[in-house]
C-alpha atoms as a PDB file:
ATOM      1  CA  MET A   1      57.257 -39.947 118.831  1.00  0.00           C
ATOM      2  CA  PHE A   2      54.503 -38.066 116.651  1.00  0.00           C
ATOM      3  CA  GLU A   3      55.006 -34.932 114.163  1.00  0.00           C
ATOM      4  CA  ILE A   4      52.314 -33.173 112.969  1.00  0.00           C
ATOM      5  CA  THR A   5      52.529 -30.626 109.938  1.00  0.00           C
ATOM      6  CA  PHE A   6      49.276 -28.552 109.194  1.00  0.00           C
ATOM      7  CA  LEU A   7      49.063 -28.175 105.160  1.00  0.00           C
ATOM      8  CA  GLY A   8      46.331 -26.246 104.967  1.00  0.00           C
ATOM      9  CA  THR A   9      44.205 -24.633 107.355  1.00  0.00           C
ATOM     10  CA  ALA A  10      41.726 -22.365 106.181  1.00  0.00           C
ATOM     11  CA  ALA A  11      38.131 -22.596 106.566  1.00  0.00           C
ATOM     12  CA  SER A  12      35.865 -23.689 103.566  1.00  0.00           C
ATOM     13  CA  VAL A  13      37.580 -21.164 101.149  1.00  0.00           C
ATOM     14  CA  PRO A  14      41.770 -20.391 100.748  1.00  0.00           C
ATOM     15  CA  SER A  15      42.888 -17.292 101.711  1.00  0.00           C
ATOM     16  CA  ALA A  16      45.786 -15.460 100.349  1.00  0.00           C
ATOM     17  CA  GLY A  17      47.893 -17.161 103.331  1.00  0.00           C
ATOM     18  CA  ARG A  18      46.246 -20.206 104.251  1.00  0.00           C
ATOM     19  CA  GLY A  19      45.096 -23.189 102.113  1.00  0.00           C
ATOM     20  CA  LEU A  20      42.334 -26.072 102.497  1.00  0.00           C
ATOM     21  CA  SER A  21      42.312 -28.547 104.986  1.00  0.00           C
ATOM     22  CA  SER A  22      45.073 -31.051 104.821  1.00  0.00           C
ATOM     23  CA  LEU A  23      47.303 -31.913 107.868  1.00  0.00           C
ATOM     24  CA  LEU A  24      50.297 -34.993 108.024  1.00  0.00           C
ATOM     25  CA  VAL A  25      50.783 -37.338 110.964  1.00  0.00           C
ATOM     26  CA  GLU A  26      53.801 -39.292 111.281  1.00  0.00           C
ATOM     27  CA  HIS A  27      54.740 -41.789 112.989  1.00  0.00           C
ATOM     28  CA  GLY A  28      58.038 -43.711 112.627  1.00  0.00           C
ATOM     29  CA  ARG A  29      58.139 -44.620 108.771  1.00  0.00           C
ATOM     30  CA  ARG A  30      54.171 -44.224 108.873  1.00  0.00           C
ATOM     31  CA  ARG A  31      52.171 -41.480 107.404  1.00  0.00           C
ATOM     32  CA  PHE A  32      48.583 -40.367 107.324  1.00  0.00           C
ATOM     33  CA  LEU A  33      47.425 -37.703 105.511  1.00  0.00           C
ATOM     34  CA  ILE A  34      43.690 -36.514 107.084  1.00  0.00           C
ATOM     35  CA  ASP A  35      41.575 -34.522 104.788  1.00  0.00           C
ATOM     36  CA  CYS A  36      42.720 -33.408 101.415  1.00  0.00           C
ATOM     37  CA  GLY A  37      41.543 -30.362 100.162  1.00  0.00           C
ATOM     38  CA  GLU A  38      42.662 -28.582  96.735  1.00  0.00           C
ATOM     39  CA  GLY A  39      46.045 -27.910  96.305  1.00  0.00           C
ATOM     40  CA  THR A  40      47.358 -30.520  98.905  1.00  0.00           C
ATOM     41  CA  GLN A  41      49.674 -31.885  96.450  1.00  0.00           C
ATOM     42  CA  ARG A  42      51.524 -28.628  96.217  1.00  0.00           C
ATOM     43  CA  GLN A  43      51.673 -27.772  99.864  1.00  0.00           C
ATOM     44  CA  LEU A  44      53.340 -31.550 100.481  1.00  0.00           C
ATOM     45  CA  MET A  45      55.899 -30.209  97.889  1.00  0.00           C
ATOM     46  CA  ALA A  46      56.283 -26.693  99.715  1.00  0.00           C
ATOM     47  CA  SER A  47      56.520 -28.217 103.149  1.00  0.00           C
ATOM     48  CA  GLY A  48      59.576 -30.591 101.728  1.00  0.00           C
ATOM     49  CA  LEU A  49      57.523 -33.479 102.839  1.00  0.00           C
ATOM     50  CA  GLY A  50      57.053 -34.898  99.963  1.00  0.00           C
ATOM     51  CA  PHE A  51      55.139 -38.011  98.557  1.00  0.00           C
ATOM     52  CA  ARG A  52      57.353 -40.588 100.166  1.00  0.00           C
ATOM     53  CA  ARG A  53      55.710 -43.416 101.897  1.00  0.00           C
ATOM     54  CA  LEU A  54      52.099 -41.676 101.393  1.00  0.00           C
ATOM     55  CA  ASP A  55      49.948 -44.524 100.992  1.00  0.00           C
ATOM     56  CA  THR A  56      46.651 -43.693 103.789  1.00  0.00           C
ATOM     57  CA  VAL A  57      44.290 -40.683 103.678  1.00  0.00           C
ATOM     58  CA  LEU A  58      41.942 -40.653 106.412  1.00  0.00           C
ATOM     59  CA  LEU A  59      39.163 -38.210 105.450  1.00  0.00           C
ATOM     60  CA  THR A  60      37.043 -36.430 108.442  1.00  0.00           C
ATOM     61  CA  HIS A  61      34.110 -36.420 106.349  1.00  0.00           C
ATOM     62  CA  GLY A  62      32.706 -35.336 102.511  1.00  0.00           C
ATOM     63  CA  HIS A  63      32.614 -31.387 102.217  1.00  0.00           C
ATOM     64  CA  LEU A  64      34.587 -30.983  99.302  1.00  0.00           C
ATOM     65  CA  ASP A  65      37.053 -27.802 100.839  1.00  0.00           C
ATOM     66  CA  HIS A  66      38.193 -31.168 102.875  1.00  0.00           C
ATOM     67  CA  LEU A  67      38.686 -33.742  99.889  1.00  0.00           C
ATOM     68  CA  LEU A  68      38.716 -31.894  96.217  1.00  0.00           C
ATOM     69  CA  GLY A  69      42.396 -32.335  96.165  1.00  0.00           C
ATOM     70  CA  LEU A  70      42.182 -36.087  96.414  1.00  0.00           C
ATOM     71  CA  GLY A  71      42.103 -36.191  92.367  1.00  0.00           C
ATOM     72  CA  GLY A  72      45.360 -34.267  91.913  1.00  0.00           C
ATOM     73  CA  LEU A  73      46.992 -35.718  94.569  1.00  0.00           C
ATOM     74  CA  ALA A  74      46.211 -39.775  93.537  1.00  0.00           C
ATOM     75  CA  GLY A  75      46.721 -38.272  89.713  1.00  0.00           C
ATOM     76  CA  THR A  76      50.859 -37.188  90.937  1.00  0.00           C
ATOM     77  CA  LEU A  77      50.959 -40.648  93.277  1.00  0.00           C
ATOM     78  CA  ASN A  78      49.896 -42.848  89.848  1.00  0.00           C
ATOM     79  CA  LEU A  79      52.288 -40.824  87.444  1.00  0.00           C
ATOM     80  CA  TRP A  80      55.482 -40.735  89.594  1.00  0.00           C
ATOM     81  CA  ARG A  81      54.687 -44.461  90.715  1.00  0.00           C
ATOM     82  CA  SER A  82      55.234 -42.964  94.345  1.00  0.00           C
ATOM     83  CA  THR A  83      53.356 -45.743  95.838  1.00  0.00           C
ATOM     84  CA  GLU A  84      51.766 -48.949  94.822  1.00  0.00           C
ATOM     85  CA  ARG A  85      48.669 -48.682  96.613  1.00  0.00           C
ATOM     86  CA  LEU A  86      46.289 -45.734  98.220  1.00  0.00           C
ATOM     87  CA  ALA A  87      44.300 -46.550 101.184  1.00  0.00           C
ATOM     88  CA  ILE A  88      41.426 -44.441 101.314  1.00  0.00           C
ATOM     89  CA  HIS A  89      39.340 -44.568 104.985  1.00  0.00           C
ATOM     90  CA  ALA A  90      36.116 -42.348 105.137  1.00  0.00           C
ATOM     91  CA  GLY A  91      32.563 -42.737 107.111  1.00  0.00           C
ATOM     92  CA  ARG A  92      29.878 -44.107 104.062  1.00  0.00           C
ATOM     93  CA  ALA A  93      28.767 -40.977 102.172  1.00  0.00           C
ATOM     94  CA  PRO A  94      32.224 -39.476 101.456  1.00  0.00           C
ATOM     95  CA  LEU A  95      33.805 -42.808 100.349  1.00  0.00           C
ATOM     96  CA  ARG A  96      31.470 -43.101  98.194  1.00  0.00           C
ATOM     97  CA  LEU A  97      32.095 -39.270  96.515  1.00  0.00           C
ATOM     98  CA  ALA A  98      35.449 -39.733  96.967  1.00  0.00           C
ATOM     99  CA  ARG A  99      35.297 -43.212  94.862  1.00  0.00           C
ATOM    100  CA  ARG A 100      33.167 -41.022  92.197  1.00  0.00           C
ATOM    101  CA  LEU A 101      36.026 -38.450  91.552  1.00  0.00           C
ATOM    102  CA  LEU A 102      38.120 -40.629  91.495  1.00  0.00           C
ATOM    103  CA  GLU A 103      36.857 -43.705  89.221  1.00  0.00           C
ATOM    104  CA  ASP A 104      34.430 -41.254  87.161  1.00  0.00           C
ATOM    105  CA  VAL A 105      36.096 -37.895  87.042  1.00  0.00           C
ATOM    106  CA  VAL A 106      40.343 -38.569  87.258  1.00  0.00           C
ATOM    107  CA  TRP A 107      39.996 -42.558  85.432  1.00  0.00           C
ATOM    108  CA  PRO A 108      36.663 -42.682  83.470  1.00  0.00           C
ATOM    109  CA  ASP A 109      38.510 -44.361  80.946  1.00  0.00           C
ATOM    110  CA  GLY A 110      39.487 -47.418  83.679  1.00  0.00           C
ATOM    111  CA  PRO A 111      41.298 -48.123  86.666  1.00  0.00           C
ATOM    112  CA  PRO A 112      44.718 -46.543  86.894  1.00  0.00           C
ATOM    113  CA  ARG A 113      48.310 -48.203  87.761  1.00  0.00           C
ATOM    114  CA  LEU A 114      47.957 -47.349  91.725  1.00  0.00           C
ATOM    115  CA  GLY A 115      45.962 -49.914  93.527  1.00  0.00           C
ATOM    116  CA  LEU A 116      43.024 -47.561  95.171  1.00  0.00           C
ATOM    117  CA  ASP A 117      41.634 -49.643  98.322  1.00  0.00           C
ATOM    118  CA  TRP A 118      38.216 -48.344  99.349  1.00  0.00           C
ATOM    119  CA  ARG A 119      38.224 -48.704 103.453  1.00  0.00           C
ATOM    120  CA  GLU A 120      34.359 -47.736 104.870  1.00  0.00           C
ATOM    121  CA  LEU A 121      35.454 -46.175 108.066  1.00  0.00           C
ATOM    122  CA  SER A 122      33.154 -47.481 111.570  1.00  0.00           C
ATOM    123  CA  PRO A 123      34.016 -46.246 115.116  1.00  0.00           C
ATOM    124  CA  GLY A 124      36.491 -48.655 116.079  1.00  0.00           C
ATOM    125  CA  PRO A 125      40.154 -49.095 115.199  1.00  0.00           C
ATOM    126  CA  LEU A 126      41.566 -49.135 111.737  1.00  0.00           C
ATOM    127  CA  LEU A 127      44.751 -49.699 112.519  1.00  0.00           C
ATOM    128  CA  ALA A 128      45.911 -51.978 115.521  1.00  0.00           C
ATOM    129  CA  ALA A 129      50.195 -52.045 115.186  1.00  0.00           C
ATOM    130  CA  ARG A 130      52.658 -53.527 117.663  1.00  0.00           C
ATOM    131  CA  ASP A 131      53.367 -49.564 118.975  1.00  0.00           C
ATOM    132  CA  LEU A 132      50.516 -47.828 117.449  1.00  0.00           C
ATOM    133  CA  THR A 133      46.851 -47.892 117.440  1.00  0.00           C
ATOM    134  CA  VAL A 134      44.669 -45.513 115.178  1.00  0.00           C
ATOM    135  CA  THR A 135      40.806 -45.151 116.429  1.00  0.00           C
ATOM    136  CA  ALA A 136      38.084 -43.543 114.350  1.00  0.00           C
ATOM    137  CA  PHE A 137      35.144 -42.117 116.041  1.00  0.00           C
ATOM    138  CA  PRO A 138      32.223 -40.097 115.727  1.00  0.00           C
ATOM    139  CA  VAL A 139      31.797 -36.359 114.951  1.00  0.00           C
ATOM    140  CA  HIS A 140      28.738 -34.140 114.645  1.00  0.00           C
ATOM    141  CA  HIS A 141      28.465 -32.231 111.797  1.00  0.00           C
ATOM    142  CA  VAL A 142      26.212 -30.722 109.243  1.00  0.00           C
ATOM    143  CA  ALA A 143      27.163 -33.434 106.697  1.00  0.00           C
ATOM    144  CA  PRO A 144      26.604 -37.539 107.068  1.00  0.00           C
ATOM    145  CA  ASP A 145      29.401 -39.619 108.085  1.00  0.00           C
ATOM    146  CA  CYS A 146      31.745 -37.507 110.165  1.00  0.00           C
ATOM    147  CA  PHE A 147      34.719 -39.108 111.923  1.00  0.00           C
ATOM    148  CA  GLY A 148      37.835 -37.499 114.207  1.00  0.00           C
ATOM    149  CA  PHE A 149      40.948 -39.935 114.719  1.00  0.00           C
ATOM    150  CA  LEU A 150      42.810 -41.009 117.810  1.00  0.00           C
ATOM    151  CA  PHE A 151      46.467 -41.852 117.122  1.00  0.00           C
ATOM    152  CA  GLU A 152      47.802 -43.670 120.236  1.00  0.00           C
ATOM    153  CA  GLU A 153      51.624 -45.619 121.117  1.00  0.00           C
ATOM    154  CA  THR A 154      51.683 -48.778 122.227  1.00  0.00           C
ATOM    155  CA  PRO A 155      52.407 -48.629 126.338  1.00  0.00           C
ATOM    156  CA  ARG A 156      56.141 -49.409 126.769  1.00  0.00           C
ATOM    157  CA  ARG A 157      58.779 -50.793 129.308  1.00  0.00           C
ATOM    158  CA  HIS A 158      62.418 -49.542 129.298  1.00  0.00           C
ATOM    159  CA  LEU A 159      64.934 -51.466 129.621  1.00  0.00           C
ATOM    160  CA  LEU A 160      67.275 -51.162 132.807  1.00  0.00           C
ATOM    161  CA  ALA A 161      70.865 -51.166 131.878  1.00  0.00           C
ATOM    162  CA  ASP A 162      72.259 -52.027 135.400  1.00  0.00           C
ATOM    163  CA  ARG A 163      69.661 -55.257 135.233  1.00  0.00           C
ATOM    164  CA  LEU A 164      70.561 -56.290 131.361  1.00  0.00           C
ATOM    165  CA  ASP A 165      74.647 -55.748 132.602  1.00  0.00           C
ATOM    166  CA  ALA A 166      74.154 -57.932 135.538  1.00  0.00           C
ATOM    167  CA  LEU A 167      72.419 -60.345 134.377  1.00  0.00           C
ATOM    168  CA  GLY A 168      75.318 -60.877 131.673  1.00  0.00           C
ATOM    169  CA  VAL A 169      72.580 -59.735 128.537  1.00  0.00           C
ATOM    170  CA  PRO A 170      75.258 -59.113 125.608  1.00  0.00           C
ATOM    171  CA  ALA A 171      73.999 -55.981 123.535  1.00  0.00           C
ATOM    172  CA  GLY A 172      72.395 -56.345 120.040  1.00  0.00           C
ATOM    173  CA  GLU A 173      69.395 -58.698 119.172  1.00  0.00           C
ATOM    174  CA  ALA A 174      68.989 -60.445 122.950  1.00  0.00           C
ATOM    175  CA  ARG A 175      67.942 -56.997 124.312  1.00  0.00           C
ATOM    176  CA  GLY A 176      66.033 -56.069 121.220  1.00  0.00           C
ATOM    177  CA  ARG A 177      64.095 -59.111 121.795  1.00  0.00           C
ATOM    178  CA  LEU A 178      63.370 -58.322 125.263  1.00  0.00           C
ATOM    179  CA  ALA A 179      62.306 -54.907 124.359  1.00  0.00           C
ATOM    180  CA  ARG A 180      60.010 -55.932 122.563  1.00  0.00           C
ATOM    181  CA  GLY A 181      58.382 -58.137 125.223  1.00  0.00           C
ATOM    182  CA  GLU A 182      60.379 -61.386 124.274  1.00  0.00           C
ATOM    183  CA  ALA A 183      62.435 -63.671 126.516  1.00  0.00           C
ATOM    184  CA  VAL A 184      65.848 -64.894 126.086  1.00  0.00           C
ATOM    185  CA  VAL A 185      67.915 -67.667 126.317  1.00  0.00           C
ATOM    186  CA  LEU A 186      71.465 -66.756 127.440  1.00  0.00           C
ATOM    187  CA  PRO A 187      74.445 -68.786 125.816  1.00  0.00           C
ATOM    188  CA  ASP A 188      74.659 -70.577 129.418  1.00  0.00           C
ATOM    189  CA  GLY A 189      71.708 -71.942 129.311  1.00  0.00           C
ATOM    190  CA  ARG A 190      69.722 -68.948 131.596  1.00  0.00           C
ATOM    191  CA  ARG A 191      66.207 -67.941 130.463  1.00  0.00           C
ATOM    192  CA  VAL A 192      65.577 -63.875 131.039  1.00  0.00           C
ATOM    193  CA  GLU A 193      62.045 -62.619 130.872  1.00  0.00           C
ATOM    194  CA  PRO A 194      61.288 -58.824 130.291  1.00  0.00           C
ATOM    195  CA  GLY A 195      60.093 -58.387 133.648  1.00  0.00           C
ATOM    196  CA  GLN A 196      63.559 -59.333 134.849  1.00  0.00           C
ATOM    197  CA  VAL A 197      64.817 -55.966 132.739  1.00  0.00           C
ATOM    198  CA  THR A 198      62.373 -53.306 132.284  1.00  0.00           C
ATOM    199  CA  GLY A 199      61.172 -50.698 134.474  1.00  0.00           C
ATOM    200  CA  PRO A 200      56.920 -49.424 135.331  1.00  0.00           C
ATOM    201  CA  GLU A 201      54.869 -49.309 131.945  1.00  0.00           C
ATOM    202  CA  ARG A 202      54.841 -45.433 131.011  1.00  0.00           C
ATOM    203  CA  ARG A 203      51.743 -44.631 128.765  1.00  0.00           C
ATOM    204  CA  GLY A 204      52.338 -44.118 125.419  1.00  0.00           C
ATOM    205  CA  ARG A 205      51.436 -40.439 123.501  1.00  0.00           C
ATOM    206  CA  ARG A 206      48.344 -39.837 122.254  1.00  0.00           C
ATOM    207  CA  VAL A 207      47.031 -37.410 120.116  1.00  0.00           C
ATOM    208  CA  ALA A 208      43.858 -36.860 118.551  1.00  0.00           C
ATOM    209  CA  VAL A 209      42.539 -34.719 115.346  1.00  0.00           C
ATOM    210  CA  VAL A 210      38.876 -33.095 114.902  1.00  0.00           C
ATOM    211  CA  GLY A 211      38.219 -32.204 111.758  1.00  0.00           C
ATOM    212  CA  ASP A 212      34.571 -29.778 111.173  1.00  0.00           C
ATOM    213  CA  ALA A 213      32.053 -30.174 113.884  1.00  0.00           C
ATOM    214  CA  GLY A 214      29.160 -28.639 115.031  1.00  0.00           C
ATOM    215  CA  SER A 215      28.861 -29.348 118.638  1.00  0.00           C
ATOM    216  CA  THR A 216      31.580 -31.247 120.598  1.00  0.00           C
ATOM    217  CA  ALA A 217      29.080 -33.300 121.988  1.00  0.00           C
ATOM    218  CA  GLY A 218      30.030 -37.193 122.855  1.00  0.00           C
ATOM    219  CA  LEU A 219      33.690 -36.272 121.868  1.00  0.00           C
ATOM    220  CA  LEU A 220      35.195 -35.725 125.582  1.00  0.00           C
ATOM    221  CA  GLU A 221      35.152 -39.485 125.767  1.00  0.00           C
ATOM    222  CA  HIS A 222      37.550 -40.073 123.001  1.00  0.00           C
ATOM    223  CA  VAL A 223      40.016 -36.726 123.793  1.00  0.00           C
ATOM    224  CA  ARG A 224      40.471 -37.236 127.031  1.00  0.00           C
ATOM    225  CA  GLY A 225      43.646 -36.911 128.409  1.00  0.00           C
ATOM    226  CA  VAL A 226      45.747 -36.638 125.330  1.00  0.00           C
ATOM    227  CA  ASP A 227      48.749 -35.092 124.325  1.00  0.00           C
ATOM    228  CA  LEU A 228      47.652 -32.924 121.469  1.00  0.00           C
ATOM    229  CA  LEU A 229      44.261 -31.963 120.115  1.00  0.00           C
ATOM    230  CA  VAL A 230      44.017 -30.584 116.886  1.00  0.00           C
ATOM    231  CA  ILE A 231      40.128 -29.454 116.540  1.00  0.00           C
ATOM    232  CA  GLU A 232      38.739 -26.620 114.786  1.00  0.00           C
ATOM    233  CA  ALA A 233      37.854 -22.974 115.709  1.00  0.00           C
ATOM    234  CA  THR A 234      36.009 -21.133 113.148  1.00  0.00           C
ATOM    235  CA  PHE A 235      33.918 -18.735 114.845  1.00  0.00           C
ATOM    236  CA  LEU A 236      34.897 -16.485 118.102  1.00  0.00           C
ATOM    237  CA  ASP A 237      31.994 -16.835 120.327  1.00  0.00           C
ATOM    238  CA  ALA A 238      30.248 -13.387 119.972  1.00  0.00           C
ATOM    239  CA  ASP A 239      29.613 -15.554 116.407  1.00  0.00           C
ATOM    240  CA  ARG A 240      27.794 -18.427 118.134  1.00  0.00           C
ATOM    241  CA  ASP A 241      24.733 -17.879 116.134  1.00  0.00           C
ATOM    242  CA  LYS A 242      26.701 -18.220 112.942  1.00  0.00           C
ATOM    243  CA  ALA A 243      28.536 -21.226 114.348  1.00  0.00           C
ATOM    244  CA  GLU A 244      25.193 -23.052 115.128  1.00  0.00           C
ATOM    245  CA  ALA A 245      23.828 -22.416 111.492  1.00  0.00           C
ATOM    246  CA  ARG A 246      26.637 -23.476 109.922  1.00  0.00           C
ATOM    247  CA  SER A 247      27.778 -26.463 112.252  1.00  0.00           C
ATOM    248  CA  HIS A 248      30.878 -25.093 113.715  1.00  0.00           C
ATOM    249  CA  LEU A 249      32.718 -24.224 116.699  1.00  0.00           C
ATOM    250  CA  THR A 250      33.338 -21.297 118.593  1.00  0.00           C
ATOM    251  CA  VAL A 251      36.727 -20.749 120.138  1.00  0.00           C
ATOM    252  CA  GLY A 252      34.869 -20.905 123.674  1.00  0.00           C
ATOM    253  CA  GLN A 253      33.661 -24.762 122.496  1.00  0.00           C
ATOM    254  CA  ALA A 254      36.751 -26.150 121.699  1.00  0.00           C
ATOM    255  CA  THR A 255      38.555 -24.394 124.793  1.00  0.00           C
ATOM    256  CA  GLY A 256      36.233 -25.696 127.233  1.00  0.00           C
ATOM    257  CA  LEU A 257      36.645 -29.219 125.435  1.00  0.00           C
ATOM    258  CA  ALA A 258      40.354 -28.882 126.291  1.00  0.00           C
ATOM    259  CA  ARG A 259      39.730 -27.527 129.812  1.00  0.00           C
ATOM    260  CA  ASP A 260      37.237 -30.599 130.205  1.00  0.00           C
ATOM    261  CA  ALA A 261      38.951 -33.401 128.867  1.00  0.00           C
ATOM    262  CA  GLY A 262      42.580 -32.092 130.388  1.00  0.00           C
ATOM    263  CA  VAL A 263      44.684 -32.278 127.216  1.00  0.00           C
ATOM    264  CA  GLY A 264      48.089 -31.397 127.092  1.00  0.00           C
ATOM    265  CA  GLU A 265      48.143 -28.847 124.222  1.00  0.00           C
ATOM    266  CA  LEU A 266      45.879 -27.258 121.977  1.00  0.00           C
ATOM    267  CA  TRP A 267      45.375 -26.377 118.321  1.00  0.00           C
ATOM    268  CA  LEU A 268      43.011 -24.763 117.128  1.00  0.00           C
ATOM    269  CA  ASN A 269      42.198 -25.604 113.029  1.00  0.00           C
ATOM    270  CA  HIS A 270      40.175 -24.268 110.260  1.00  0.00           C
ATOM    271  CA  GLN A 271      40.737 -20.258 110.715  1.00  0.00           C
ATOM    272  CA  SER A 272      37.770 -18.184 109.246  1.00  0.00           C
ATOM    273  CA  ALA A 273      39.698 -14.881 107.267  1.00  0.00           C
ATOM    274  CA  ARG A 274      36.306 -12.563 109.090  1.00  0.00           C
ATOM    275  CA  TYR A 275      38.586 -11.515 111.744  1.00  0.00           C
ATOM    276  CA  PRO A 276      42.080  -9.748 112.683  1.00  0.00           C
ATOM    277  CA  ALA A 277      45.313 -11.388 113.407  1.00  0.00           C
ATOM    278  CA  GLY A 278      45.897 -12.230 117.051  1.00  0.00           C
ATOM    279  CA  ALA A 279      41.788 -12.384 117.732  1.00  0.00           C
ATOM    280  CA  VAL A 280      41.161 -15.981 117.608  1.00  0.00           C
ATOM    281  CA  GLU A 281      44.521 -16.596 120.203  1.00  0.00           C
ATOM    282  CA  ALA A 282      44.303 -13.971 122.049  1.00  0.00           C
ATOM    283  CA  GLU A 283      40.072 -15.349 123.008  1.00  0.00           C
ATOM    284  CA  ALA A 284      41.358 -18.894 123.109  1.00  0.00           C
ATOM    285  CA  ARG A 285      44.500 -17.841 125.382  1.00  0.00           C
ATOM    286  CA  ALA A 286      41.622 -16.438 127.816  1.00  0.00           C
ATOM    287  CA  GLY A 287      40.199 -20.013 128.020  1.00  0.00           C
ATOM    288  CA  PHE A 288      43.261 -22.346 127.850  1.00  0.00           C
ATOM    289  CA  GLY A 289      46.662 -21.544 127.848  1.00  0.00           C
ATOM    290  CA  ARG A 290      48.385 -24.066 126.410  1.00  0.00           C
ATOM    291  CA  VAL A 291      46.569 -23.052 123.218  1.00  0.00           C
ATOM    292  CA  ARG A 292      48.114 -22.067 119.361  1.00  0.00           C
ATOM    293  CA  VAL A 293      46.399 -21.297 116.483  1.00  0.00           C
ATOM    294  CA  ALA A 294      47.716 -23.118 113.715  1.00  0.00           C
ATOM    295  CA  ALA A 295      49.278 -21.574 110.466  1.00  0.00           C
ATOM    296  CA  ASP A 296      49.993 -23.228 107.266  1.00  0.00           C
ATOM    297  CA  PHE A 297      53.019 -25.240 107.389  1.00  0.00           C
ATOM    298  CA  ASP A 298      53.498 -24.906 111.110  1.00  0.00           C
ATOM    299  CA  ARG A 299      54.742 -28.635 112.690  1.00  0.00           C
ATOM    300  CA  VAL A 300      54.511 -29.696 116.243  1.00  0.00           C
ATOM    301  CA  ALA A 301      56.326 -32.905 117.295  1.00  0.00           C
ATOM    302  CA  VAL A 302      54.888 -34.824 120.406  1.00  0.00           C
ATOM    303  CA  GLY A 303      57.105 -37.168 121.891  1.00  0.00           C
END
């Protein structure tokens, strides 16, 4: 299953109760840090998540409120030797900025012990593993080279215990191989194919994360039918002129996308301190019933 933890949910500047943009997506033993605003490493410690297995950062774009914490985080990973290598995925412009931050500011005198892998994003898969695919897709925002991310579990067929027992498949490695889609040969020489002992294919769970966005144009095809959509909603609809001027979304635009895409659950991120408590959620619920406004340290499981 997926578990998403919101580490920083403020828009542009931190507030007393909200840190700058960052969230962690976990799937099995894999961990993906999406954006790394100022103070992210402290949020990781305060949340109890820590730095274990934290070796992949995905940057949605290059504005400083989304990446300035990368210097401190990488410095701590290097100091504590929490990981051997850190892979940083971003579009061309934000990757160049992140590289300048780490190589020219944090380590101007030479490379650190920590290996740094700079991986420029383009639309398409950035990870294709047996159980999980992560895809980058373009997002329109005032900053150049912006991306959102789609996490998709591989569809699975579950083993049927009655068929396994009827065929005499012993517990243990044989059943594990069948679950992985491999045929097995039993001690008596009979060959059992996965299709003989598995049920119908079940779609894997899907999560989409969008950072700052100036419009929802082009996003529908990438987030259609996801179980969970995380997206910004910086302004109420009454302030749409401000949203357009600053290349951000209104609540109505975010909830409209969720309706059109048929998403299972919507979490609104990147919250402005200009509105009273509850105002964004009230407007959002009028447009989409299964919606939450994210707060720092909120966690949601998709499974």
